Amino acid sequence: MSRAARRPPAERRAAIADAARDLALDQGLTAVTMRGVASRAAVTPALVAHYHPVMDELVATTFAAAVAPEIGEVRALLAAENGPIGRIAAVLRTLLDGTRDDVTTVWVEAFALGRRNERLAVAVREQMDAWQALLLEVVEEGVATGEFRVPDAAAAAWQLLGTIDGLNAQGLVRWGGAGERHPLLAHAVEGMLGLDRGALLALAEG
């Protein structure tokens, strides 16, 4: 019986990276260890070390691979909405509905692990910059149309991002149901953006 053909190095390296990403989304970023990835990829730990010799780097690239697609998904949702108020409401709906808890878990663990993994910290900052840029586009659009009244669009985008992150992190331990967090955030965002009370809530609830 002939041996099965060996996979090219680039393909094997990519397969291990894919296994690490799937493991992070399934069990969290802390599960991305040499043994954990090897088990998920059905290879030996030595092979993982061969293709990804710096574990901090694998954790950082795994984080980015796990969370980056969400930005594209949200951008596509925003493109389908009519106007900046509708786009902000769509952000709240999709990020607070509990369907993205796997990605939220990766984010929360990355904030903690990034204190001692500078490669990961860089990756976290890059992804946060990307999110802030996306939200800033919407806020600036609303300012340009006169629908939002904010003195500093960049600061408003950062504040919005930080508030969403905090509420989603609390949701992981089921502190306050999504039904409670959603209207609270909608009213807070109305205040951030200079909207009338209730202007956003009905849209945010869909």
Protein backbone atom coordinates (compact mmCIF):
# COMPACT_ATOMS: atom_id res chain seq x y z
CA MET A 1 0.00 0.00 0.00
CA SER A 2 1.44 3.35 -0.98
CA ARG A 3 1.78 6.18 1.51
CA ALA A 4 -0.66 9.05 1.33
CA ALA A 5 0.93 12.06 -0.31
CA ARG A 6 2.43 14.50 2.17
CA ARG A 7 0.84 17.93 2.22
CA PRO A 8 3.02 20.84 1.06
CA PRO A 9 4.51 22.87 3.95
CA ALA A 10 2.46 25.98 3.17
CA GLU A 11 -0.74 23.95 3.14
CA ARG A 12 0.11 22.22 6.42
CA ARG A 13 1.01 25.53 8.05
CA ALA A 14 -2.31 27.02 6.92
CA ALA A 15 -4.24 23.99 8.18
CA ILE A 16 -2.67 24.36 11.62
CA ALA A 17 -3.53 28.07 11.65
CA ASP A 18 -7.12 27.27 10.65
CA ALA A 19 -7.34 24.72 13.46
CA ALA A 20 -6.09 27.34 15.92
CA ARG A 21 -8.73 29.84 14.75
CA ASP A 22 -11.53 27.27 15.04
CA LEU A 23 -10.28 26.28 18.49
CA ALA A 24 -10.29 29.92 19.65
CA LEU A 25 -13.86 30.46 18.47
CA ASP A 26 -15.00 27.20 20.03
CA GLN A 27 -13.16 27.27 23.36
CA GLY A 28 -11.62 30.73 23.65
CA LEU A 29 -8.20 32.19 22.98
CA THR A 30 -6.72 30.67 26.13
CA ALA A 31 -7.24 27.23 24.56
CA VAL A 32 -4.72 28.10 21.83
CA THR A 33 -1.75 26.23 23.26
CA MET A 34 0.68 24.00 21.42
CA ARG A 35 -1.03 20.85 22.68
CA GLY A 36 -4.50 22.24 22.14
CA VAL A 37 -3.82 23.24 18.55
CA ALA A 38 -2.08 19.92 17.84
CA SER A 39 -5.08 18.00 19.12
CA ARG A 40 -7.49 20.11 17.06
CA ALA A 41 -5.39 19.73 13.91
CA ALA A 42 -4.76 16.01 14.54
CA VAL A 43 -0.98 16.46 14.39
CA THR A 44 1.82 16.26 16.93
CA PRO A 45 2.80 19.22 19.13
CA ALA A 46 6.24 19.01 17.53
CA LEU A 47 4.72 19.67 14.12
CA VAL A 48 2.85 22.70 15.44
CA ALA A 49 6.14 23.99 16.89
CA HIS A 50 7.88 23.35 13.56
CA TYR A 51 5.45 25.44 11.52
CA HIS A 52 4.64 27.99 14.23
CA PRO A 53 7.75 28.15 16.43
CA VAL A 54 6.75 31.35 18.25
CA MET A 55 3.57 30.65 20.20
CA ASP A 56 2.89 34.31 20.96
CA GLU A 57 2.84 34.98 17.22
CA LEU A 58 0.40 32.12 16.58
CA VAL A 59 -1.90 33.43 19.32
CA ALA A 60 -1.78 36.93 17.79
CA THR A 61 -2.52 35.75 14.25
CA THR A 62 -5.23 33.44 15.57
CA PHE A 63 -6.89 36.37 17.32
CA ALA A 64 -6.89 38.44 14.13
CA ALA A 65 -8.20 35.54 12.04
CA ALA A 66 -11.02 34.96 14.53
CA VAL A 67 -12.24 38.54 14.90
CA ALA A 68 -11.44 40.33 11.62
CA PRO A 69 -14.27 38.77 9.53
CA GLU A 70 -16.85 40.35 11.85
CA ILE A 71 -15.93 43.83 10.64
CA GLY A 72 -16.64 42.84 7.06
CA GLU A 73 -19.95 41.31 8.07
CA VAL A 74 -21.03 44.43 9.92
CA ARG A 75 -19.88 46.69 7.10
CA ALA A 76 -22.11 44.72 4.70
CA LEU A 77 -25.05 45.10 7.09
CA LEU A 78 -24.49 48.85 7.31
CA ALA A 79 -24.39 49.20 3.53
CA ALA A 80 -27.92 47.81 3.38
CA GLU A 81 -29.28 50.41 5.81
CA ASN A 82 -30.75 53.77 4.88
CA GLY A 83 -28.92 56.65 6.53
CA PRO A 84 -26.65 57.05 9.55
CA ILE A 85 -29.35 56.55 12.20
CA GLY A 86 -30.36 53.27 10.59
CA ARG A 87 -26.71 52.23 10.42
CA ILE A 88 -26.05 52.93 14.09
CA ALA A 89 -29.23 51.02 14.99
CA ALA A 90 -27.98 48.07 12.90
CA VAL A 91 -24.68 48.11 14.79
CA LEU A 92 -26.51 47.86 18.11
CA ARG A 93 -28.83 45.10 16.88
CA THR A 94 -26.12 42.85 15.52
CA LEU A 95 -23.53 43.37 18.25
CA LEU A 96 -25.90 43.00 21.20
CA ASP A 97 -28.12 40.12 20.09
CA GLY A 98 -25.93 37.42 21.66
CA THR A 99 -25.13 35.61 18.41
CA ARG A 100 -21.51 36.77 18.41
CA ASP A 101 -20.51 35.60 21.88
CA ASP A 102 -17.78 33.35 20.44
CA VAL A 103 -16.04 36.39 18.97
CA THR A 104 -16.68 38.44 22.11
CA THR A 105 -14.98 35.74 24.19
CA VAL A 106 -11.91 35.92 21.98
CA TRP A 107 -11.84 39.70 22.36
CA VAL A 108 -12.19 39.65 26.15
CA GLU A 109 -9.44 37.07 26.56
CA ALA A 110 -7.20 38.97 24.15
CA PHE A 111 -7.44 42.11 26.28
CA ALA A 112 -6.13 40.16 29.26
CA LEU A 113 -3.53 38.04 27.45
CA GLY A 114 -2.24 41.06 25.54
CA ARG A 115 -0.77 42.47 28.76
CA ARG A 116 2.03 39.88 28.50
CA ASN A 117 2.02 39.17 24.77
CA GLU A 118 3.09 42.27 22.86
CA ARG A 119 2.43 40.66 19.49
CA LEU A 120 -1.14 40.05 20.58
CA ALA A 121 -1.44 43.57 21.98
CA VAL A 122 -0.44 44.98 18.59
CA ALA A 123 -3.03 42.81 16.86
CA VAL A 124 -5.72 43.92 19.33
CA ARG A 125 -4.89 47.59 18.77
CA GLU A 126 -5.03 47.12 14.99
CA GLN A 127 -8.46 45.51 15.15
CA MET A 128 -9.76 48.17 17.54
CA ASP A 129 -8.50 50.85 15.14
CA ALA A 130 -10.43 49.14 12.33
CA TRP A 131 -13.62 49.10 14.40
CA GLN A 132 -13.21 52.72 15.43
CA ALA A 133 -12.67 53.70 11.79
CA LEU A 134 -15.87 51.92 10.75
CA LEU A 135 -17.93 53.60 13.46
CA LEU A 136 -16.29 56.94 12.72
CA GLU A 137 -17.47 56.74 9.11
CA VAL A 138 -21.06 56.43 10.31
CA VAL A 139 -20.75 59.19 12.92
CA GLU A 140 -19.14 61.56 10.43
CA GLU A 141 -21.89 60.81 7.93
CA GLY A 142 -24.49 61.70 10.56
CA VAL A 143 -22.67 64.93 11.42
CA ALA A 144 -22.48 65.86 7.74
CA THR A 145 -26.22 65.35 7.26
CA GLY A 146 -27.05 67.20 10.47
CA GLU A 147 -28.66 64.15 12.07
CA PHE A 148 -25.93 63.78 14.71
CA ARG A 149 -24.77 66.63 16.90
CA VAL A 150 -21.37 65.81 18.36
CA PRO A 151 -18.37 68.11 18.91
CA ASP A 152 -15.80 65.34 18.31
CA ALA A 153 -16.78 62.52 15.96
CA ALA A 154 -13.66 60.44 16.69
CA ALA A 155 -14.24 60.61 20.45
CA ALA A 156 -17.88 59.62 19.97
CA ALA A 157 -16.83 56.59 17.90
CA TRP A 158 -14.36 55.50 20.60
CA GLN A 159 -16.98 55.98 23.31
CA LEU A 160 -19.52 53.96 21.36
CA LEU A 161 -17.02 51.15 20.77
CA GLY A 162 -15.97 51.02 24.41
CA THR A 163 -19.56 50.93 25.63
CA ILE A 164 -20.48 48.07 23.30
CA ASP A 165 -17.38 46.12 24.33
CA GLY A 166 -18.14 46.58 28.01
CA LEU A 167 -21.76 45.49 27.76
CA ASN A 168 -20.90 42.46 25.67
CA ALA A 169 -18.22 41.43 28.17
CA GLN A 170 -20.80 41.65 30.97
CA GLY A 171 -23.17 39.56 28.87
CA LEU A 172 -20.70 36.67 28.83
CA VAL A 173 -21.37 36.10 32.53
CA ARG A 174 -25.09 36.79 32.03
CA TRP A 175 -25.01 39.98 34.06
CA GLY A 176 -28.08 41.79 32.76
CA GLY A 177 -30.02 40.19 29.93
CA ALA A 178 -29.59 41.34 26.36
CA GLY A 179 -33.11 42.73 26.54
CA GLU A 180 -32.01 45.06 29.32
CA ARG A 181 -28.67 46.06 27.84
CA HIS A 182 -30.08 46.90 24.44
CA PRO A 183 -32.48 49.74 25.41
CA LEU A 184 -29.99 51.12 27.93
CA LEU A 185 -27.32 51.36 25.25
CA ALA A 186 -29.75 52.78 22.69
CA HIS A 187 -30.66 55.62 25.06
CA ALA A 188 -26.99 56.20 25.90
CA VAL A 189 -26.08 56.39 22.21
CA GLU A 190 -28.93 58.82 21.60
CA GLY A 191 -27.27 61.06 24.16
CA MET A 192 -23.79 60.56 22.66
CA LEU A 193 -24.98 61.54 19.20
CA GLY A 194 -27.33 64.36 20.15
CA LEU A 195 -30.47 62.50 19.10
CA ASP A 196 -33.88 62.98 20.64
CA ARG A 197 -34.84 60.47 23.32
CA GLY A 198 -36.37 57.43 21.62
CA ALA A 199 -35.12 58.31 18.14
CA LEU A 200 -32.82 55.31 18.03
CA LEU A 201 -34.48 52.79 20.30
CA ALA A 202 -37.32 51.73 17.99
CA LEU A 203 -34.88 51.15 15.12
CA ALA A 204 -32.37 49.42 17.38
CA GLU A 205 -35.01 46.93 18.46
CA GLY A 206 -35.81 46.22 14.83
